[in-house]
Amino acid sequence: MKLLTLNTHSWMEEDMETKFRDLVTGILEADYDVICLQEINQLMTSQVIDSPIAYVPLSINPPIHEDNYALRLVEALKEHGRAYYWSWAYNHIGYGRFHEGVAILSKTPIEVKDLLASDTTDPSDYHTRRALLARTEIDGRPLSIVSLHLSWWEKGFEVEWPRLAEALAVESHPLILMGDFNNPTGNEGYQEVVNSSLDVVDSHVIAEEVSGDHTILADIDGWEGNDQAFKVDHTFVAKDFQVASSRVIFDGEKGPVISDHFGLAVTVK
């Protein structure tokens, strides 16, 4: 089972159309089963789509627009003969002009649910955070997969993570949590995840093959003034999974840089 997580910084990057095509190419080459994406945006003023292809809706969402990054991605992959089901959970207004959220693309059918993590539900407040839960089955194995984009330590994470962990504790299927945790490997927030009752482990810790040790460089959006490289994009899996590889990609060495975050590709046996 091949998995990818990436904070796309969608439609905010310079030369975004080229980077979008690079992402499509990378997905086609690797043939991922499930893709978790963050900062999936659509302009608030763009055209609404009546029947977006393969979309599994959520009641909390605004209508899907023609420039929704996940929709565009699914359409482009479909043109190359690769079909994905997808869903998107709206979080908040981004950069004053976007509906911003998190998405999941899956080759297999999905049943979806949004999980409110933050105290606030006001879309005009960037502290509003929802995770997207997708239940699916791959090779006969039921799974619960979560795409998330959480806040920084002492800026919301300490509220969001316990609430999210409590909501996920009732899941009967093995968990896979993927996304931008905004907490570097080893810090307090990261340890909260590792030590939680969900009993999940970092793919980068248990994988047979590990490559790359950071997913952001200095001084990007949300990390202004930072002068270090951190790994804030993680995949946490239930302990009964065997992880063959956990690799940082789209970093300029393993694929072109397409965002202010690098991606994380994980292969689970």
Foldseek 3Di string as FASTA:
>chain_A
DKEKEEAQCAPVDPVQVVLLVLVLVVCVVVVGQKYKYFFFKDFPPAAFDDDQPLEDEDPQDDGDGPVRSVSVSQVVNVVVVQHWRKYWDFFADPPPTIRTTMMMTGSFDWDKDKFWQFPDRYRPDNQTWIKMWIWGADPNAIEIEIHTAHAAVVPTLVRRVVSVLVVCVPDPGWYKYWYQQNYFPPDPSNVCVCPDPSQWDWLQVQAPEEEDAFWAAADDVNRHPGHGGGHRTTMITHPVWHWHYKYFACPVPRGPPRHNTTMIMTDID
